[in-house]
Every structure is written in structure tokens, then in C-alpha cells.
Amino acid sequence: MLLGVLEALGAGYIGDLTGGFLGSHYQDIFAFLVLILVLTLKPSGLLGSKSVERA
């Protein structure tokens, strides 16, 4: 849900931020940037997994 909100907001503001150079048809860029950022910072996933060490 957060990805959808970021993509919609990014598509709305991209034209204003770039001075009209990039249009809203570049909204997929935001989705890919968020996914790359999440995979870089949390490669085990957003919730992660508990690892249990057994001796």
C-alpha cells in the first residue's frame, strides 16, 4: 500500500520538481527506486526472519 501511495505522489510531483522536463509517465521510476532501496537496506525482507541457533 505504501508503494502505491509513493508512486501516486511521485507521479503527481515529478513534473513540478523537474520543471516539466519529466512527465507523470515516469511514475514507475518511483516504484523501482523504492524497491531497490528496500532490497538494499533490508535484504531479509521488511519483517525479517528470526534465526534460531541450535547447539
PDB file of N, CA and C in Angstrom:
ATOM      1  N   MET A   1       0.829  -1.176   0.000  1.00  0.00           N
ATOM      2  CA  MET A   1       0.000   0.000   0.000  1.00  0.00           C
ATOM      3  C   MET A   1       0.879   1.246   0.000  1.00  0.00           C
ATOM      4  N   LEU A   2       1.955   1.186   0.766  1.00  0.00           N
ATOM      5  CA  LEU A   2       2.875   2.319   0.819  1.00  0.00           C
ATOM      6  C   LEU A   2       3.520   2.568  -0.542  1.00  0.00           C
ATOM      7  N   LEU A   3       3.834   1.495  -1.245  1.00  0.00           N
ATOM      8  CA  LEU A   3       4.434   1.635  -2.574  1.00  0.00           C
ATOM      9  C   LEU A   3       3.467   2.331  -3.531  1.00  0.00           C
ATOM     10  N   GLY A   4       2.202   1.998  -3.468  1.00  0.00           N
ATOM     11  CA  GLY A   4       1.208   2.644  -4.320  1.00  0.00           C
ATOM     12  C   GLY A   4       1.049   4.115  -4.015  1.00  0.00           C
ATOM     13  N   VAL A   5       1.064   4.461  -2.748  1.00  0.00           N
ATOM     14  CA  VAL A   5       0.947   5.866  -2.350  1.00  0.00           C
ATOM     15  C   VAL A   5       2.169   6.655  -2.812  1.00  0.00           C
ATOM     16  N   LEU A   6       3.357   6.089  -2.619  1.00  0.00           N
ATOM     17  CA  LEU A   6       4.574   6.777  -3.054  1.00  0.00           C
ATOM     18  C   LEU A   6       4.605   6.949  -4.573  1.00  0.00           C
ATOM     19  N   GLU A   7       4.139   5.942  -5.285  1.00  0.00           N
ATOM     20  CA  GLU A   7       4.118   6.036  -6.738  1.00  0.00           C
ATOM     21  C   GLU A   7       3.137   7.111  -7.200  1.00  0.00           C
ATOM     22  N   ALA A   8       1.978   7.186  -6.577  1.00  0.00           N
ATOM     23  CA  ALA A   8       0.989   8.187  -6.962  1.00  0.00           C
ATOM     24  C   ALA A   8       1.462   9.598  -6.618  1.00  0.00           C
ATOM     25  N   LEU A   9       2.039   9.766  -5.445  1.00  0.00           N
ATOM     26  CA  LEU A   9       2.550  11.086  -5.067  1.00  0.00           C
ATOM     27  C   LEU A   9       3.729  11.490  -5.940  1.00  0.00           C
ATOM     28  N   GLY A  10       4.595  10.534  -6.221  1.00  0.00           N
ATOM     29  CA  GLY A  10       5.741  10.824  -7.077  1.00  0.00           C
ATOM     30  C   GLY A  10       5.311  11.232  -8.471  1.00  0.00           C
ATOM     31  N   ALA A  11       4.308  10.554  -9.010  1.00  0.00           N
ATOM     32  CA  ALA A  11       3.818  10.890 -10.343  1.00  0.00           C
ATOM     33  C   ALA A  11       3.202  12.280 -10.359  1.00  0.00           C
ATOM     34  N   GLY A  12       2.586  12.664  -9.272  1.00  0.00           N
ATOM     35  CA  GLY A  12       1.976  13.988  -9.211  1.00  0.00           C
ATOM     36  C   GLY A  12       2.985  15.109  -9.092  1.00  0.00           C
ATOM     37  N   TYR A  13       4.087  14.851  -8.397  1.00  0.00           N
ATOM     38  CA  TYR A  13       5.068  15.899  -8.133  1.00  0.00           C
ATOM     39  C   TYR A  13       6.262  15.899  -9.069  1.00  0.00           C
ATOM     40  N   ILE A  14       6.416  14.853  -9.886  1.00  0.00           N
ATOM     41  CA  ILE A  14       7.624  14.768 -10.717  1.00  0.00           C
ATOM     42  C   ILE A  14       7.715  15.904 -11.734  1.00  0.00           C
ATOM     43  N   GLY A  15       6.598  16.306 -12.279  1.00  0.00           N
ATOM     44  CA  GLY A  15       6.623  17.407 -13.234  1.00  0.00           C
ATOM     45  C   GLY A  15       6.995  18.723 -12.582  1.00  0.00           C
ATOM     46  N   ASP A  16       6.507  18.949 -11.374  1.00  0.00           N
ATOM     47  CA  ASP A  16       6.825  20.190 -10.661  1.00  0.00           C
ATOM     48  C   ASP A  16       8.291  20.228 -10.231  1.00  0.00           C
ATOM     49  N   LEU A  17       8.800  19.098  -9.787  1.00  0.00           N
ATOM     50  CA  LEU A  17      10.175  19.048  -9.297  1.00  0.00           C
ATOM     51  C   LEU A  17      11.204  19.185 -10.411  1.00  0.00           C
ATOM     52  N   THR A  18      10.879  18.710 -11.593  1.00  0.00           N
ATOM     53  CA  THR A  18      11.830  18.761 -12.700  1.00  0.00           C
ATOM     54  C   THR A  18      11.564  19.916 -13.659  1.00  0.00           C
ATOM     55  N   GLY A  19      10.638  20.759 -13.322  1.00  0.00           N
ATOM     56  CA  GLY A  19      10.339  21.899 -14.173  1.00  0.00           C
ATOM     57  C   GLY A  19       9.678  21.516 -15.484  1.00  0.00           C
ATOM     58  N   GLY A  20       8.937  20.428 -15.482  1.00  0.00           N
ATOM     59  CA  GLY A  20       8.252  19.982 -16.679  1.00  0.00           C
ATOM     60  C   GLY A  20       9.101  19.109 -17.587  1.00  0.00           C
ATOM     61  N   PHE A  21      10.347  18.828 -17.185  1.00  0.00           N
ATOM     62  CA  PHE A  21      11.229  18.002 -18.015  1.00  0.00           C
ATOM     63  C   PHE A  21      10.737  16.557 -18.074  1.00  0.00           C
ATOM     64  N   LEU A  22      10.360  16.006 -16.933  1.00  0.00           N
ATOM     65  CA  LEU A  22       9.830  14.645 -16.869  1.00  0.00           C
ATOM     66  C   LEU A  22       8.336  14.713 -16.601  1.00  0.00           C
ATOM     67  N   GLY A  23       7.581  13.933 -17.317  1.00  0.00           N
ATOM     68  CA  GLY A  23       6.140  13.915 -17.123  1.00  0.00           C
ATOM     69  C   GLY A  23       5.733  12.824 -16.149  1.00  0.00           C
ATOM     70  N   SER A  24       4.435  12.718 -15.919  1.00  0.00           N
ATOM     71  CA  SER A  24       3.932  11.733 -14.972  1.00  0.00           C
ATOM     72  C   SER A  24       4.020  10.308 -15.512  1.00  0.00           C
ATOM     73  N   HIS A  25       4.362  10.138 -16.796  1.00  0.00           N
ATOM     74  CA  HIS A  25       4.509   8.793 -17.340  1.00  0.00           C
ATOM     75  C   HIS A  25       5.775   8.111 -16.832  1.00  0.00           C
ATOM     76  N   TYR A  26       6.571   8.793 -16.038  1.00  0.00           N
ATOM     77  CA  TYR A  26       7.750   8.214 -15.405  1.00  0.00           C
ATOM     78  C   TYR A  26       7.460   7.760 -13.980  1.00  0.00           C
ATOM     79  N   GLN A  27       6.198   7.489 -13.654  1.00  0.00           N
ATOM     80  CA  GLN A  27       5.839   7.129 -12.289  1.00  0.00           C
ATOM     81  C   GLN A  27       6.406   5.775 -11.882  1.00  0.00           C
ATOM     82  N   ASP A  28       6.706   4.920 -12.832  1.00  0.00           N
ATOM     83  CA  ASP A  28       7.282   3.620 -12.499  1.00  0.00           C
ATOM     84  C   ASP A  28       8.686   3.749 -11.916  1.00  0.00           C
ATOM     85  N   ILE A  29       9.351   4.847 -12.211  1.00  0.00           N
ATOM     86  CA  ILE A  29      10.683   5.083 -11.652  1.00  0.00           C
ATOM     87  C   ILE A  29      10.618   5.068 -10.131  1.00  0.00           C
ATOM     88  N   PHE A  30       9.588   5.661  -9.557  1.00  0.00           N
ATOM     89  CA  PHE A  30       9.467   5.711  -8.105  1.00  0.00           C
ATOM     90  C   PHE A  30       9.277   4.325  -7.508  1.00  0.00           C
ATOM     91  N   ALA A  31       8.501   3.496  -8.169  1.00  0.00           N
ATOM     92  CA  ALA A  31       8.292   2.135  -7.676  1.00  0.00           C
ATOM     93  C   ALA A  31       9.606   1.368  -7.682  1.00  0.00           C
ATOM     94  N   PHE A  32      10.355   1.458  -8.749  1.00  0.00           N
ATOM     95  CA  PHE A  32      11.622   0.741  -8.826  1.00  0.00           C
ATOM     96  C   PHE A  32      12.643   1.280  -7.836  1.00  0.00           C
ATOM     97  N   LEU A  33      12.683   2.600  -7.649  1.00  0.00           N
ATOM     98  CA  LEU A  33      13.623   3.175  -6.681  1.00  0.00           C
ATOM     99  C   LEU A  33      13.299   2.732  -5.261  1.00  0.00           C
ATOM    100  N   VAL A  34      12.027   2.693  -4.916  1.00  0.00           N
ATOM    101  CA  VAL A  34      11.634   2.248  -3.577  1.00  0.00           C
ATOM    102  C   VAL A  34      11.972   0.776  -3.391  1.00  0.00           C
ATOM    103  N   LEU A  35      11.711  -0.045  -4.407  1.00  0.00           N
ATOM    104  CA  LEU A  35      12.027  -1.466  -4.298  1.00  0.00           C
ATOM    105  C   LEU A  35      13.528  -1.707  -4.190  1.00  0.00           C
ATOM    106  N   ILE A  36      14.316  -0.988  -4.953  1.00  0.00           N
ATOM    107  CA  ILE A  36      15.769  -1.124  -4.869  1.00  0.00           C
ATOM    108  C   ILE A  36      16.273  -0.665  -3.515  1.00  0.00           C
ATOM    109  N   LEU A  37      15.717   0.401  -2.996  1.00  0.00           N
ATOM    110  CA  LEU A  37      16.113   0.906  -1.684  1.00  0.00           C
ATOM    111  C   LEU A  37      15.781  -0.095  -0.579  1.00  0.00           C
ATOM    112  N   VAL A  38      14.598  -0.676  -0.635  1.00  0.00           N
ATOM    113  CA  VAL A  38      14.204  -1.665   0.372  1.00  0.00           C
ATOM    114  C   VAL A  38      15.087  -2.896   0.289  1.00  0.00           C
ATOM    115  N   LEU A  39      15.352  -3.381  -0.916  1.00  0.00           N
ATOM    116  CA  LEU A  39      16.198  -4.564  -1.064  1.00  0.00           C
ATOM    117  C   LEU A  39      17.638  -4.300  -0.656  1.00  0.00           C
ATOM    118  N   THR A  40      18.089  -3.067  -0.794  1.00  0.00           N
ATOM    119  CA  THR A  40      19.443  -2.730  -0.383  1.00  0.00           C
ATOM    120  C   THR A  40      19.555  -2.627   1.139  1.00  0.00           C
ATOM    121  N   LEU A  41      18.573  -1.996   1.763  1.00  0.00           N
ATOM    122  CA  LEU A  41      18.636  -1.776   3.204  1.00  0.00           C
ATOM    123  C   LEU A  41      18.145  -2.964   4.025  1.00  0.00           C
ATOM    124  N   LYS A  42      17.180  -3.699   3.518  1.00  0.00           N
ATOM    125  CA  LYS A  42      16.603  -4.829   4.253  1.00  0.00           C
ATOM    126  C   LYS A  42      16.543  -6.064   3.350  1.00  0.00           C
ATOM    127  N   PRO A  43      17.673  -6.683   3.027  1.00  0.00           N
ATOM    128  CA  PRO A  43      17.644  -7.820   2.099  1.00  0.00           C
ATOM    129  C   PRO A  43      16.910  -9.040   2.643  1.00  0.00           C
ATOM    130  N   SER A  44      16.713  -9.130   3.953  1.00  0.00           N
ATOM    131  CA  SER A  44      15.989 -10.269   4.522  1.00  0.00           C
ATOM    132  C   SER A  44      14.479 -10.039   4.509  1.00  0.00           C
ATOM    133  N   GLY A  45      14.034  -8.897   4.018  1.00  0.00           N
ATOM    134  CA  GLY A  45      12.612  -8.593   3.950  1.00  0.00           C
ATOM    135  C   GLY A  45      12.238  -7.534   4.963  1.00  0.00           C
ATOM    136  N   LEU A  46      11.044  -7.009   4.838  1.00  0.00           N
ATOM    137  CA  LEU A  46      10.596  -5.960   5.750  1.00  0.00           C
ATOM    138  C   LEU A  46      10.373  -6.507   7.162  1.00  0.00           C
ATOM    139  N   LEU A  47       9.837  -7.708   7.246  1.00  0.00           N
ATOM    140  CA  LEU A  47       9.583  -8.290   8.555  1.00  0.00           C
ATOM    141  C   LEU A  47      10.757  -9.110   9.047  1.00  0.00           C
ATOM    142  N   GLY A  48      11.598  -9.557   8.142  1.00  0.00           N
ATOM    143  CA  GLY A  48      12.754 -10.351   8.524  1.00  0.00           C
ATOM    144  C   GLY A  48      12.337 -11.723   9.005  1.00  0.00           C
ATOM    145  N   SER A  49      13.299 -12.474   9.399  1.00  0.00           N
ATOM    146  CA  SER A  49      13.007 -13.800   9.938  1.00  0.00           C
ATOM    147  C   SER A  49      13.921 -14.056  11.128  1.00  0.00           C
ATOM    148  N   LYS A  50      13.384 -14.676  12.115  1.00  0.00           N
ATOM    149  CA  LYS A  50      14.179 -14.985  13.291  1.00  0.00           C
ATOM    150  C   LYS A  50      15.008 -16.228  12.999  1.00  0.00           C
ATOM    151  N   SER A  51      16.273 -16.119  13.292  1.00  0.00           N
ATOM    152  CA  SER A  51      17.141 -17.280  13.101  1.00  0.00           C
ATOM    153  C   SER A  51      17.403 -17.902  14.463  1.00  0.00           C
ATOM    154  N   VAL A  52      17.177 -19.187  14.546  1.00  0.00           N
ATOM    155  CA  VAL A  52      17.353 -19.907  15.797  1.00  0.00           C
ATOM    156  C   VAL A  52      18.589 -20.763  15.688  1.00  0.00           C
ATOM    157  N   GLU A  53      19.530 -20.526  16.587  1.00  0.00           N
ATOM    158  CA  GLU A  53      20.737 -21.334  16.608  1.00  0.00           C
ATOM    159  C   GLU A  53      20.536 -22.497  17.553  1.00  0.00           C
ATOM    160  N   ARG A  54      20.819 -23.666  17.056  1.00  0.00           N
ATOM    161  CA  ARG A  54      20.707 -24.871  17.883  1.00  0.00           C
ATOM    162  C   ARG A  54      22.089 -25.460  18.065  1.00  0.00           C
ATOM    163  N   ALA A  55      22.373 -25.791  19.281  1.00  0.00           N
ATOM    164  CA  ALA A  55      23.684 -26.359  19.589  1.00  0.00           C
ATOM    165  C   ALA A  55      23.661 -27.870  19.613  1.00  0.00           C
TER     166      ALA A  55
END
